[in-house]
Amino acid sequence: HFYLQDAASGLCVAARGGEASGNGVELAGGVTKDTGPDRARMQFVAEYDNDERFYLRDAKYGRYVHPTGGEANRNGIELQFLTGKDTGPHRSRMQLVREADPSAPGKFLLRDAKF
């Protein structure tokens, strides 16, 4: 399990309201990291589809990160947690790719696998 943490501020991304306990819960940034016994509520799991593309899943409830509206085809698309993942021919619409950040060794960026 891992946290999604901003390299500059140290703040994390987590479910708005604290937990991805239902469908449609949005992701929010600027959250202080929880390292206590219930820390899984703000941790993620990467489920790889191949060597490069992966689904992002909530570690506590198992809900997957989906772009609101179905695709992240432009900047500013919000992300939400939903049950299930697309495993069909259009699955790249909800997959991510990890890219090394050349300006910060050891850090990485996440980008949409389709666009």
N, C-alpha and C. Protein backbone atom coordinates (compact mmCIF):
# COMPACT_ATOMS: atom_id res chain seq x y z
N HIS A 1 0.84 -1.18 0.00
CA HIS A 1 0.00 0.00 0.00
C HIS A 1 0.88 1.24 0.00
N PHE A 2 0.37 2.31 -0.60
CA PHE A 2 1.15 3.54 -0.66
C PHE A 2 0.23 4.75 -0.60
N TYR A 3 0.81 5.89 -0.29
CA TYR A 3 0.11 7.17 -0.30
C TYR A 3 0.42 7.88 -1.62
N LEU A 4 -0.49 8.69 -2.12
CA LEU A 4 -0.20 9.61 -3.20
C LEU A 4 0.11 10.94 -2.53
N GLN A 5 1.38 11.34 -2.61
CA GLN A 5 1.83 12.49 -1.84
C GLN A 5 2.50 13.50 -2.75
N ASP A 6 2.15 14.77 -2.59
CA ASP A 6 2.77 15.85 -3.35
C ASP A 6 4.21 16.01 -2.89
N ALA A 7 5.15 16.01 -3.84
CA ALA A 7 6.56 16.06 -3.50
C ALA A 7 6.94 17.39 -2.84
N ALA A 8 6.31 18.48 -3.22
CA ALA A 8 6.67 19.79 -2.68
C ALA A 8 6.06 20.05 -1.30
N SER A 9 4.78 19.79 -1.16
CA SER A 9 4.09 20.14 0.09
C SER A 9 4.07 19.01 1.12
N GLY A 10 4.19 17.77 0.65
CA GLY A 10 4.07 16.63 1.54
C GLY A 10 2.63 16.24 1.84
N LEU A 11 1.67 17.00 1.30
CA LEU A 11 0.26 16.68 1.51
C LEU A 11 -0.17 15.56 0.58
N CYS A 12 -1.22 14.87 0.95
CA CYS A 12 -1.65 13.67 0.22
C CYS A 12 -2.98 13.85 -0.51
N VAL A 13 -3.25 12.89 -1.37
CA VAL A 13 -4.54 12.76 -2.04
C VAL A 13 -5.29 11.66 -1.31
N ALA A 14 -6.57 11.90 -1.05
CA ALA A 14 -7.39 10.90 -0.36
C ALA A 14 -8.85 11.12 -0.75
N ALA A 15 -9.71 10.24 -0.28
CA ALA A 15 -11.14 10.38 -0.55
C ALA A 15 -11.67 11.61 0.19
N ARG A 16 -12.47 12.41 -0.52
CA ARG A 16 -13.11 13.56 0.12
C ARG A 16 -13.99 13.05 1.25
N GLY A 17 -13.85 13.62 2.42
CA GLY A 17 -14.61 13.16 3.58
C GLY A 17 -13.90 12.08 4.38
N GLY A 18 -12.77 11.60 3.87
CA GLY A 18 -11.95 10.68 4.64
C GLY A 18 -11.93 9.23 4.21
N GLU A 19 -13.01 8.74 3.57
CA GLU A 19 -13.03 7.33 3.19
C GLU A 19 -13.80 7.14 1.88
N ALA A 20 -13.36 6.18 1.08
CA ALA A 20 -14.03 5.82 -0.17
C ALA A 20 -15.07 4.74 0.12
N SER A 21 -15.96 5.04 1.06
CA SER A 21 -16.91 4.03 1.53
C SER A 21 -18.13 3.87 0.64
N GLY A 22 -18.25 4.69 -0.41
CA GLY A 22 -19.39 4.58 -1.32
C GLY A 22 -19.00 4.98 -2.72
N ASN A 23 -19.81 4.62 -3.69
CA ASN A 23 -19.56 5.01 -5.07
C ASN A 23 -19.77 6.51 -5.23
N GLY A 24 -18.96 7.12 -6.08
CA GLY A 24 -19.08 8.54 -6.38
C GLY A 24 -18.32 9.46 -5.45
N VAL A 25 -17.60 8.92 -4.47
CA VAL A 25 -16.80 9.76 -3.59
C VAL A 25 -15.62 10.30 -4.39
N GLU A 26 -15.44 11.62 -4.36
CA GLU A 26 -14.37 12.26 -5.13
C GLU A 26 -13.04 12.20 -4.39
N LEU A 27 -11.97 12.33 -5.15
CA LEU A 27 -10.64 12.44 -4.57
C LEU A 27 -10.38 13.91 -4.26
N ALA A 28 -9.65 14.16 -3.19
CA ALA A 28 -9.31 15.52 -2.78
C ALA A 28 -7.83 15.58 -2.45
N GLY A 29 -7.22 16.71 -2.77
CA GLY A 29 -5.81 16.92 -2.45
C GLY A 29 -5.67 17.77 -1.20
N GLY A 30 -4.45 17.93 -0.74
CA GLY A 30 -4.18 18.78 0.40
C GLY A 30 -4.52 18.17 1.75
N VAL A 31 -4.44 16.86 1.85
CA VAL A 31 -4.82 16.15 3.07
C VAL A 31 -3.54 15.72 3.82
N THR A 32 -3.55 15.90 5.12
CA THR A 32 -2.43 15.46 5.95
C THR A 32 -2.42 13.93 6.04
N LYS A 33 -1.24 13.35 5.94
CA LYS A 33 -1.09 11.90 5.93
C LYS A 33 -1.48 11.28 7.28
N ASP A 34 -2.30 10.24 7.22
CA ASP A 34 -2.70 9.49 8.40
C ASP A 34 -1.79 8.27 8.49
N THR A 35 -1.03 8.17 9.58
CA THR A 35 -0.15 7.02 9.76
C THR A 35 -0.62 6.14 10.91
N GLY A 36 -1.85 6.37 11.36
CA GLY A 36 -2.42 5.61 12.46
C GLY A 36 -2.96 4.26 12.04
N PRO A 37 -3.70 3.61 12.93
CA PRO A 37 -4.20 2.26 12.66
C PRO A 37 -5.21 2.19 11.51
N ASP A 38 -5.86 3.30 11.16
CA ASP A 38 -6.83 3.31 10.05
C ASP A 38 -6.25 3.95 8.80
N ARG A 39 -4.93 3.91 8.66
CA ARG A 39 -4.27 4.59 7.53
C ARG A 39 -4.66 4.03 6.16
N ALA A 40 -5.13 2.81 6.08
CA ALA A 40 -5.52 2.23 4.79
C ALA A 40 -6.62 3.04 4.12
N ARG A 41 -7.37 3.85 4.88
CA ARG A 41 -8.44 4.66 4.30
C ARG A 41 -7.90 5.72 3.34
N MET A 42 -6.62 6.05 3.43
CA MET A 42 -6.05 7.00 2.48
C MET A 42 -4.88 6.42 1.69
N GLN A 43 -4.79 5.13 1.65
CA GLN A 43 -3.73 4.48 0.87
C GLN A 43 -4.32 3.87 -0.40
N PHE A 44 -3.42 3.62 -1.34
CA PHE A 44 -3.80 3.09 -2.64
C PHE A 44 -3.02 1.81 -2.95
N VAL A 45 -3.54 1.07 -3.91
CA VAL A 45 -2.89 -0.12 -4.44
C VAL A 45 -2.86 0.04 -5.95
N ALA A 46 -1.74 -0.28 -6.57
CA ALA A 46 -1.64 -0.27 -8.03
C ALA A 46 -1.85 -1.69 -8.52
N GLU A 47 -2.87 -1.89 -9.35
CA GLU A 47 -3.13 -3.21 -9.96
C GLU A 47 -2.68 -3.12 -11.42
N TYR A 48 -1.56 -3.73 -11.72
CA TYR A 48 -0.99 -3.63 -13.07
C TYR A 48 -1.73 -4.52 -14.06
N ASP A 49 -2.00 -3.94 -15.23
CA ASP A 49 -2.63 -4.66 -16.34
C ASP A 49 -1.55 -5.21 -17.26
N ASN A 50 -0.46 -4.49 -17.36
CA ASN A 50 0.71 -4.93 -18.11
C ASN A 50 1.93 -4.31 -17.44
N ASP A 51 3.05 -4.27 -18.10
CA ASP A 51 4.27 -3.74 -17.48
C ASP A 51 4.19 -2.25 -17.18
N GLU A 52 3.30 -1.54 -17.84
CA GLU A 52 3.28 -0.09 -17.72
C GLU A 52 1.97 0.47 -17.16
N ARG A 53 0.84 -0.03 -17.61
CA ARG A 53 -0.47 0.52 -17.23
C ARG A 53 -1.03 -0.15 -15.98
N PHE A 54 -1.66 0.68 -15.14
CA PHE A 54 -2.24 0.12 -13.92
C PHE A 54 -3.53 0.85 -13.54
N TYR A 55 -4.33 0.14 -12.76
CA TYR A 55 -5.53 0.70 -12.14
C TYR A 55 -5.14 1.17 -10.74
N LEU A 56 -5.76 2.23 -10.28
CA LEU A 56 -5.52 2.72 -8.94
C LEU A 56 -6.73 2.37 -8.09
N ARG A 57 -6.48 1.65 -6.99
CA ARG A 57 -7.56 1.13 -6.15
C ARG A 57 -7.36 1.59 -4.71
N ASP A 58 -8.47 1.91 -4.05
CA ASP A 58 -8.48 2.25 -2.64
C ASP A 58 -8.08 1.02 -1.82
N ALA A 59 -7.18 1.19 -0.87
CA ALA A 59 -6.67 0.05 -0.10
C ALA A 59 -7.66 -0.49 0.92
N LYS A 60 -8.59 0.32 1.39
CA LYS A 60 -9.50 -0.13 2.44
C LYS A 60 -10.78 -0.76 1.88
N TYR A 61 -11.41 -0.11 0.92
CA TYR A 61 -12.71 -0.58 0.42
C TYR A 61 -12.63 -1.27 -0.95
N GLY A 62 -11.51 -1.12 -1.65
CA GLY A 62 -11.35 -1.78 -2.94
C GLY A 62 -12.00 -1.08 -4.11
N ARG A 63 -12.42 0.16 -3.94
CA ARG A 63 -13.02 0.91 -5.05
C ARG A 63 -11.92 1.47 -5.95
N TYR A 64 -12.24 1.55 -7.23
CA TYR A 64 -11.26 2.01 -8.22
C TYR A 64 -11.45 3.49 -8.54
N VAL A 65 -10.33 4.13 -8.90
CA VAL A 65 -10.36 5.53 -9.31
C VAL A 65 -10.83 5.59 -10.76
N HIS A 66 -11.86 6.37 -11.01
CA HIS A 66 -12.41 6.58 -12.34
C HIS A 66 -12.44 8.07 -12.64
N PRO A 67 -12.21 8.47 -13.89
CA PRO A 67 -12.43 9.87 -14.23
C PRO A 67 -13.94 10.15 -14.27
N THR A 68 -14.36 11.26 -13.68
CA THR A 68 -15.77 11.64 -13.72
C THR A 68 -16.17 11.86 -15.18
N GLY A 69 -17.26 11.25 -15.60
CA GLY A 69 -17.69 11.36 -16.99
C GLY A 69 -17.11 10.27 -17.88
N GLY A 70 -16.22 9.42 -17.34
CA GLY A 70 -15.75 8.27 -18.10
C GLY A 70 -14.37 8.39 -18.71
N GLU A 71 -13.90 9.60 -19.02
CA GLU A 71 -12.58 9.76 -19.63
C GLU A 71 -11.92 11.04 -19.15
N ALA A 72 -10.61 10.98 -18.99
CA ALA A 72 -9.83 12.17 -18.64
C ALA A 72 -9.25 12.75 -19.93
N ASN A 73 -10.13 13.22 -20.81
CA ASN A 73 -9.73 13.67 -22.14
C ASN A 73 -9.35 15.15 -22.20
N ARG A 74 -9.28 15.82 -21.05
CA ARG A 74 -8.82 17.21 -20.99
C ARG A 74 -8.38 17.49 -19.55
N ASN A 75 -7.68 18.57 -19.36
CA ASN A 75 -7.26 18.96 -18.01
C ASN A 75 -8.47 19.33 -17.16
N GLY A 76 -8.36 19.12 -15.88
CA GLY A 76 -9.41 19.53 -14.95
C GLY A 76 -10.49 18.51 -14.68
N ILE A 77 -10.37 17.31 -15.24
CA ILE A 77 -11.37 16.27 -14.97
C ILE A 77 -11.18 15.76 -13.55
N GLU A 78 -12.26 15.75 -12.79
CA GLU A 78 -12.19 15.25 -11.42
C GLU A 78 -12.18 13.72 -11.42
N LEU A 79 -11.67 13.17 -10.34
CA LEU A 79 -11.60 11.72 -10.19
C LEU A 79 -12.51 11.31 -9.05
N GLN A 80 -13.07 10.10 -9.18
CA GLN A 80 -13.97 9.58 -8.15
C GLN A 80 -13.73 8.09 -7.97
N PHE A 81 -14.18 7.57 -6.84
CA PHE A 81 -14.10 6.14 -6.56
C PHE A 81 -15.40 5.47 -6.98
N LEU A 82 -15.28 4.32 -7.66
CA LEU A 82 -16.43 3.51 -8.05
C LEU A 82 -16.07 2.04 -7.90
N THR A 83 -17.08 1.22 -7.69
CA THR A 83 -16.88 -0.22 -7.62
C THR A 83 -16.61 -0.73 -9.03
N GLY A 84 -15.64 -1.58 -9.19
CA GLY A 84 -15.36 -2.22 -10.48
C GLY A 84 -14.41 -1.44 -11.35
N LYS A 85 -13.89 -2.16 -12.34
CA LYS A 85 -12.96 -1.57 -13.31
C LYS A 85 -13.31 -2.06 -14.70
N ASP A 86 -12.95 -1.28 -15.67
CA ASP A 86 -13.18 -1.63 -17.08
C ASP A 86 -12.04 -2.53 -17.52
N THR A 87 -12.35 -3.75 -17.91
CA THR A 87 -11.32 -4.68 -18.38
C THR A 87 -11.46 -4.94 -19.88
N GLY A 88 -12.35 -4.22 -20.53
CA GLY A 88 -12.61 -4.39 -21.96
C GLY A 88 -11.64 -3.62 -22.83
N PRO A 89 -11.98 -3.46 -24.11
CA PRO A 89 -11.07 -2.81 -25.05
C PRO A 89 -10.83 -1.32 -24.77
N HIS A 90 -11.68 -0.69 -23.97
CA HIS A 90 -11.52 0.73 -23.66
C HIS A 90 -10.99 0.95 -22.24
N ARG A 91 -10.34 -0.07 -21.68
CA ARG A 91 -9.90 0.01 -20.29
C ARG A 91 -8.84 1.08 -20.05
N SER A 92 -8.12 1.50 -21.07
CA SER A 92 -7.09 2.51 -20.86
C SER A 92 -7.67 3.84 -20.40
N ARG A 93 -9.00 4.04 -20.54
CA ARG A 93 -9.63 5.28 -20.10
C ARG A 93 -9.56 5.46 -18.60
N MET A 94 -9.33 4.38 -17.86
CA MET A 94 -9.23 4.50 -16.40
C MET A 94 -7.91 3.96 -15.86
N GLN A 95 -6.93 3.81 -16.74
CA GLN A 95 -5.63 3.33 -16.30
C GLN A 95 -4.64 4.49 -16.24
N LEU A 96 -3.61 4.30 -15.44
CA LEU A 96 -2.58 5.31 -15.28
C LEU A 96 -1.23 4.73 -15.67
N VAL A 97 -0.30 5.64 -15.94
CA VAL A 97 1.08 5.28 -16.26
C VAL A 97 1.98 6.11 -15.35
N ARG A 98 2.98 5.47 -14.82
CA ARG A 98 3.95 6.16 -13.96
C ARG A 98 5.12 6.64 -14.82
N GLU A 99 5.46 7.92 -14.67
CA GLU A 99 6.59 8.49 -15.42
C GLU A 99 7.58 9.09 -14.44
N ALA A 100 8.86 8.82 -14.65
CA ALA A 100 9.90 9.41 -13.80
C ALA A 100 9.88 10.92 -13.98
N ASP A 101 10.08 11.65 -12.89
CA ASP A 101 10.15 13.11 -12.94
C ASP A 101 11.62 13.49 -13.09
N PRO A 102 12.02 13.97 -14.29
CA PRO A 102 13.43 14.27 -14.52
C PRO A 102 13.97 15.38 -13.61
N SER A 103 13.09 16.22 -13.09
CA SER A 103 13.55 17.32 -12.23
C SER A 103 13.67 16.91 -10.77
N ALA A 104 13.20 15.72 -10.42
CA ALA A 104 13.23 15.27 -9.03
C ALA A 104 13.55 13.78 -8.97
N PRO A 105 14.82 13.42 -8.90
CA PRO A 105 15.19 12.00 -8.85
C PRO A 105 14.46 11.26 -7.73
N GLY A 106 13.96 10.08 -8.06
CA GLY A 106 13.24 9.27 -7.09
C GLY A 106 11.75 9.59 -7.00
N LYS A 107 11.32 10.66 -7.65
CA LYS A 107 9.91 11.05 -7.65
C LYS A 107 9.31 10.67 -9.00
N PHE A 108 7.97 10.62 -9.06
CA PHE A 108 7.33 10.29 -10.33
C PHE A 108 6.03 11.06 -10.50
N LEU A 109 5.57 11.10 -11.72
CA LEU A 109 4.31 11.72 -12.10
C LEU A 109 3.36 10.63 -12.55
N LEU A 110 2.06 10.84 -12.39
CA LEU A 110 1.06 9.92 -12.92
C LEU A 110 0.37 10.60 -14.09
N ARG A 111 0.16 9.85 -15.15
CA ARG A 111 -0.57 10.39 -16.29
C ARG A 111 -1.61 9.37 -16.75
N ASP A 112 -2.64 9.88 -17.40
CA ASP A 112 -3.69 9.05 -17.97
C ASP A 112 -3.10 8.18 -19.06
N ALA A 113 -3.45 6.91 -19.11
CA ALA A 113 -2.89 5.98 -20.09
C ALA A 113 -3.45 6.18 -21.49
N LYS A 114 -4.65 6.72 -21.61
CA LYS A 114 -5.29 6.86 -22.92
C LYS A 114 -4.92 8.17 -23.60
N PHE A 115 -4.97 9.26 -22.87
CA PHE A 115 -4.73 10.58 -23.46
C PHE A 115 -3.41 11.09 -23.01
